[in-house]
Amino acid sequence: MSLTKRCAAELFGTFWLVFGGCGSAVLAAAFPELGIGFMGVALAFGLTLLTMCYAIGHISGCHINPAVTFGLVAGGRFPARDLIPYVAAQVLGAIAAAAVLYLIASGKAGFDASAGFASNGYGEHSPGGYSLTAALTAEVVLTGFFLFIIMGATHRLAQSSLAGVAIGLSLTLIHLVGIPVTNTSVNPARSTGVALFQGSWALDQLWLFWLAPIVGGMIGGLVYRTLLASDD
């Protein structure tokens, strides 16, 4: 596939991830009496990734996350020359999804994006009041294991037809752990899209949700590559 087609797939895939995952948090998580809560939001993120694994995995690899792209470069599974185009497409897709979600959400009286808009945060903006150190640690560890799982599930000796299931469920588990701490990022593009519309503290804290997932992703990719280099 040409780089243009692969980047287009990444843009659409990231749009779906942010629209489905963040949309569930903004529109459905706290809906009176029928809200889906943390469990529903976690499942929504996992389902968006799982469905896109099968829709675009054969086109772009379905990274739909800058941390995944960085991690796969570190793990020797993706060429560094394509990193910047992939990340740019992912961020654009996330911003477009956040814009559409904002348009929908603002159709309800009383909507206020500054209240959070599914943004990631630490300290007073952490859902559970967790500190910067706790948030940094959680994002690095969760993204590291995410990349480890991706590397393993897509290994040439793995059951390739089930890779999307393993990867999608891993993102669900990651959200079940991480939502109380940071509202779960593990994806700088996802964090950027909604932060732009939240417009204040989310932008101030956005640096952490680029740094920690990318560092964690690269560690996860390097660890898997180091442990199983002779088998790749």
Protein backbone atom coordinates (compact mmCIF):
# COMPACT_ATOMS: atom_id res chain seq x y z
CA MET A 1 0.00 0.00 0.00
CA SER A 2 1.18 3.53 -0.71
CA LEU A 3 2.07 5.77 2.22
CA THR A 4 -0.86 8.04 1.31
CA LYS A 5 -3.37 5.19 1.61
CA ARG A 6 -1.81 3.96 4.83
CA CYS A 7 -1.96 7.43 6.36
CA ALA A 8 -5.57 7.82 5.26
CA ALA A 9 -6.37 4.54 7.01
CA GLU A 10 -4.64 5.81 10.15
CA LEU A 11 -6.64 9.03 10.04
CA PHE A 12 -9.98 7.23 9.73
CA GLY A 13 -8.98 4.64 12.32
CA THR A 14 -7.96 7.25 14.88
CA PHE A 15 -11.15 9.18 14.18
CA TRP A 16 -13.16 6.07 15.04
CA LEU A 17 -11.16 5.39 18.21
CA VAL A 18 -11.60 8.92 19.55
CA PHE A 19 -15.20 9.30 18.42
CA GLY A 20 -16.24 5.92 19.82
CA GLY A 21 -14.18 5.93 22.98
CA CYS A 22 -14.39 9.57 24.00
CA GLY A 23 -17.93 9.76 22.65
CA SER A 24 -19.01 7.03 25.03
CA ALA A 25 -17.46 8.99 27.91
CA VAL A 26 -18.99 12.33 26.94
CA LEU A 27 -22.44 11.17 25.81
CA ALA A 28 -23.20 7.92 27.61
CA ALA A 29 -21.04 7.39 30.70
CA ALA A 30 -23.15 9.41 33.12
CA PHE A 31 -26.51 9.30 31.36
CA PRO A 32 -29.19 9.38 34.10
CA GLU A 33 -30.08 5.87 35.33
CA LEU A 34 -28.76 4.20 32.17
CA GLY A 35 -25.15 5.48 32.12
CA ILE A 36 -22.51 2.99 31.05
CA GLY A 37 -19.90 4.06 33.63
CA PHE A 38 -16.21 3.15 33.66
CA MET A 39 -16.87 -0.39 32.44
CA GLY A 40 -18.81 0.81 29.41
CA VAL A 41 -16.22 3.41 28.46
CA ALA A 42 -13.42 0.86 28.78
CA LEU A 43 -15.33 -1.56 26.58
CA ALA A 44 -16.04 1.17 24.03
CA PHE A 45 -12.35 1.94 23.62
CA GLY A 46 -11.57 -1.75 23.28
CA LEU A 47 -14.30 -2.29 20.70
CA THR A 48 -13.24 0.66 18.58
CA LEU A 49 -9.71 -0.69 18.41
CA LEU A 50 -10.82 -4.28 17.83
CA THR A 51 -13.10 -3.31 14.94
CA MET A 52 -10.44 -1.15 13.32
CA CYS A 53 -7.82 -3.90 13.63
CA TYR A 54 -9.88 -5.92 11.16
CA ALA A 55 -10.96 -2.94 9.04
CA ILE A 56 -7.54 -1.35 8.42
CA GLY A 57 -4.99 -3.70 9.92
CA HIS A 58 -4.17 -5.08 6.50
CA ILE A 59 -3.74 -1.56 5.12
CA SER A 60 -1.75 0.41 7.70
CA GLY A 61 -1.18 -2.01 10.56
CA CYS A 62 -3.84 -0.15 12.59
CA HIS A 63 -1.53 1.80 14.88
CA ILE A 64 -4.04 4.68 15.35
CA ASN A 65 -1.83 5.88 18.20
CA PRO A 66 1.52 7.76 18.08
CA ALA A 67 2.81 5.75 21.05
CA VAL A 68 2.19 2.53 19.12
CA THR A 69 4.03 3.88 16.09
CA PHE A 70 7.00 4.95 18.20
CA GLY A 71 6.93 1.61 20.00
CA LEU A 72 6.89 -0.40 16.78
CA VAL A 73 9.81 1.65 15.45
CA ALA A 74 11.73 0.87 18.65
CA GLY A 75 10.71 -2.78 18.36
CA GLY A 76 11.98 -3.04 14.80
CA ARG A 77 8.54 -3.63 13.30
CA PHE A 78 8.03 -0.28 11.54
CA PRO A 79 10.32 1.96 9.44
CA ALA A 80 11.35 5.21 11.12
CA ARG A 81 10.97 7.10 7.82
CA ASP A 82 7.17 6.68 8.02
CA LEU A 83 6.84 7.72 11.67
CA ILE A 84 6.10 11.43 11.18
CA PRO A 85 3.45 10.95 8.43
CA TYR A 86 1.70 8.32 10.56
CA VAL A 87 1.69 10.51 13.68
CA ALA A 88 0.44 13.52 11.72
CA ALA A 89 -2.45 11.48 10.28
CA GLN A 90 -3.34 10.13 13.71
CA VAL A 91 -3.42 13.58 15.30
CA LEU A 92 -5.54 14.98 12.47
CA GLY A 93 -7.99 12.10 12.81
CA ALA A 94 -8.25 12.66 16.56
CA ILE A 95 -8.88 16.39 16.15
CA ALA A 96 -11.54 15.76 13.51
CA ALA A 97 -13.28 13.25 15.78
CA ALA A 98 -13.20 15.64 18.73
CA ALA A 99 -14.68 18.37 16.53
CA VAL A 100 -17.59 16.16 15.46
CA LEU A 101 -18.13 15.01 19.04
CA TYR A 102 -18.12 18.62 20.21
CA LEU A 103 -20.73 19.50 17.58
CA ILE A 104 -22.98 16.68 18.76
CA ALA A 105 -22.46 17.25 22.49
CA SER A 106 -23.06 20.99 22.22
CA GLY A 107 -26.53 20.24 20.89
CA LYS A 108 -27.65 19.63 24.47
CA ALA A 109 -28.50 22.60 26.66
CA GLY A 110 -25.97 23.17 29.41
CA PHE A 111 -23.08 21.38 27.74
CA ASP A 112 -19.71 22.79 28.78
CA ALA A 113 -16.52 21.36 27.25
CA SER A 114 -14.42 23.12 29.87
CA ALA A 115 -15.85 20.71 32.45
CA GLY A 116 -13.65 17.97 31.01
CA PHE A 117 -14.75 16.66 27.61
CA ALA A 118 -13.13 13.25 28.27
CA SER A 119 -9.72 14.91 28.68
CA ASN A 120 -6.81 13.33 30.50
CA GLY A 121 -5.39 14.87 33.63
CA TYR A 122 -3.51 14.49 36.88
CA GLY A 123 -3.72 16.09 40.32
CA GLU A 124 -7.01 17.92 40.71
CA HIS A 125 -7.97 16.90 37.16
CA SER A 126 -7.44 13.19 37.76
CA PRO A 127 -10.80 11.40 38.23
CA GLY A 128 -9.44 9.89 41.45
CA GLY A 129 -7.19 12.76 42.47
CA TYR A 130 -3.94 10.95 41.63
CA SER A 131 -0.64 12.86 41.59
CA LEU A 132 1.59 13.70 38.63
CA THR A 133 3.99 10.91 39.66
CA ALA A 134 1.19 8.36 39.85
CA ALA A 135 -0.17 9.46 36.48
CA LEU A 136 3.25 9.33 34.83
CA THR A 137 3.94 5.87 36.23
CA ALA A 138 0.55 4.51 35.20
CA GLU A 139 0.78 5.83 31.65
CA VAL A 140 4.31 4.50 31.13
CA VAL A 141 3.51 1.04 32.52
CA LEU A 142 0.14 0.67 30.79
CA THR A 143 1.49 1.79 27.40
CA GLY A 144 4.56 -0.40 27.80
CA PHE A 145 2.46 -3.50 28.32
CA PHE A 146 0.14 -2.44 25.51
CA LEU A 147 3.09 -2.49 23.09
CA PHE A 148 4.34 -5.76 24.52
CA ILE A 149 0.93 -7.31 23.82
CA ILE A 150 0.78 -5.82 20.32
CA MET A 151 4.26 -7.14 19.51
CA GLY A 152 3.34 -10.58 20.80
CA ALA A 153 -0.10 -10.80 19.21
CA THR A 154 1.30 -9.83 15.80
CA HIS A 155 4.39 -12.05 16.01
CA ARG A 156 4.82 -14.35 13.03
CA LEU A 157 4.33 -17.39 15.28
CA ALA A 158 1.14 -16.06 16.91
CA GLN A 159 -2.43 -16.85 15.84
CA SER A 160 -2.77 -13.85 13.53
CA SER A 161 -6.53 -14.14 13.08
CA LEU A 162 -7.02 -13.46 16.79
CA ALA A 163 -4.57 -10.57 17.09
CA GLY A 164 -7.30 -7.94 16.93
CA VAL A 165 -9.21 -9.59 19.76
CA ALA A 166 -6.16 -9.71 22.04
CA ILE A 167 -5.21 -6.12 21.25
CA GLY A 168 -8.74 -4.77 21.63
CA LEU A 169 -9.28 -6.56 24.94
CA SER A 170 -5.93 -5.35 26.22
CA LEU A 171 -7.04 -1.76 25.63
CA THR A 172 -10.25 -2.48 27.54
CA LEU A 173 -8.23 -3.79 30.49
CA ILE A 174 -5.90 -0.81 30.32
CA HIS A 175 -8.88 1.54 30.61
CA LEU A 176 -10.33 -0.39 33.53
CA VAL A 177 -7.08 0.21 35.40
CA GLY A 178 -6.27 3.70 34.16
CA ILE A 179 -9.55 5.63 34.06
CA PRO A 180 -9.50 6.47 37.80
CA VAL A 181 -5.89 7.66 37.55
CA THR A 182 -5.71 9.78 34.38
CA ASN A 183 -8.95 9.05 32.52
CA THR A 184 -6.58 6.81 30.50
CA SER A 185 -4.60 8.17 27.62
CA VAL A 186 -1.92 5.70 26.42
CA ASN A 187 -2.48 7.60 23.17
CA PRO A 188 -1.16 11.15 22.59
CA ALA A 189 -3.47 11.73 19.62
CA ARG A 190 -6.57 10.86 21.65
CA SER A 191 -5.42 13.23 24.39
CA THR A 192 -4.68 16.05 21.96
CA GLY A 193 -7.99 15.96 20.12
CA VAL A 194 -10.20 16.48 23.16
CA ALA A 195 -7.73 18.79 24.96
CA LEU A 196 -8.00 21.32 22.14
CA PHE A 197 -11.74 21.61 22.79
CA GLN A 198 -11.47 21.53 26.60
CA GLY A 199 -9.19 24.49 26.09
CA SER A 200 -7.58 25.16 29.47
CA TRP A 201 -6.08 22.76 32.02
CA ALA A 202 -6.12 19.83 29.56
CA LEU A 203 -3.75 21.72 27.27
CA ASP A 204 -1.51 22.65 30.22
CA GLN A 205 -1.20 18.98 31.20
CA LEU A 206 -1.03 17.58 27.68
CA TRP A 207 2.79 17.29 27.77
CA LEU A 208 2.53 14.31 30.13
CA PHE A 209 0.17 12.47 27.80
CA TRP A 210 2.70 12.75 24.98
CA LEU A 211 5.80 12.01 27.03
CA ALA A 212 4.62 9.08 29.14
CA PRO A 213 2.86 7.01 26.43
CA ILE A 214 5.72 7.46 23.96
CA VAL A 215 8.34 6.51 26.56
CA GLY A 216 6.23 3.55 27.68
CA GLY A 217 5.58 2.43 24.12
CA MET A 218 9.26 2.52 23.23
CA ILE A 219 10.17 0.60 26.37
CA GLY A 220 7.56 -2.05 25.60
CA GLY A 221 8.76 -2.39 22.02
CA LEU A 222 12.41 -2.60 23.06
CA VAL A 223 11.73 -5.14 25.81
CA TYR A 224 9.85 -7.45 23.47
CA ARG A 225 12.49 -7.04 20.76
CA THR A 226 15.28 -7.79 23.25
CA LEU A 227 13.62 -10.85 24.75
CA LEU A 228 12.57 -12.41 21.46
CA ALA A 229 14.98 -10.91 18.93
CA SER A 230 16.26 -14.30 17.80
CA ASP A 231 12.72 -15.41 16.92
CA ASP A 232 11.66 -12.33 14.88
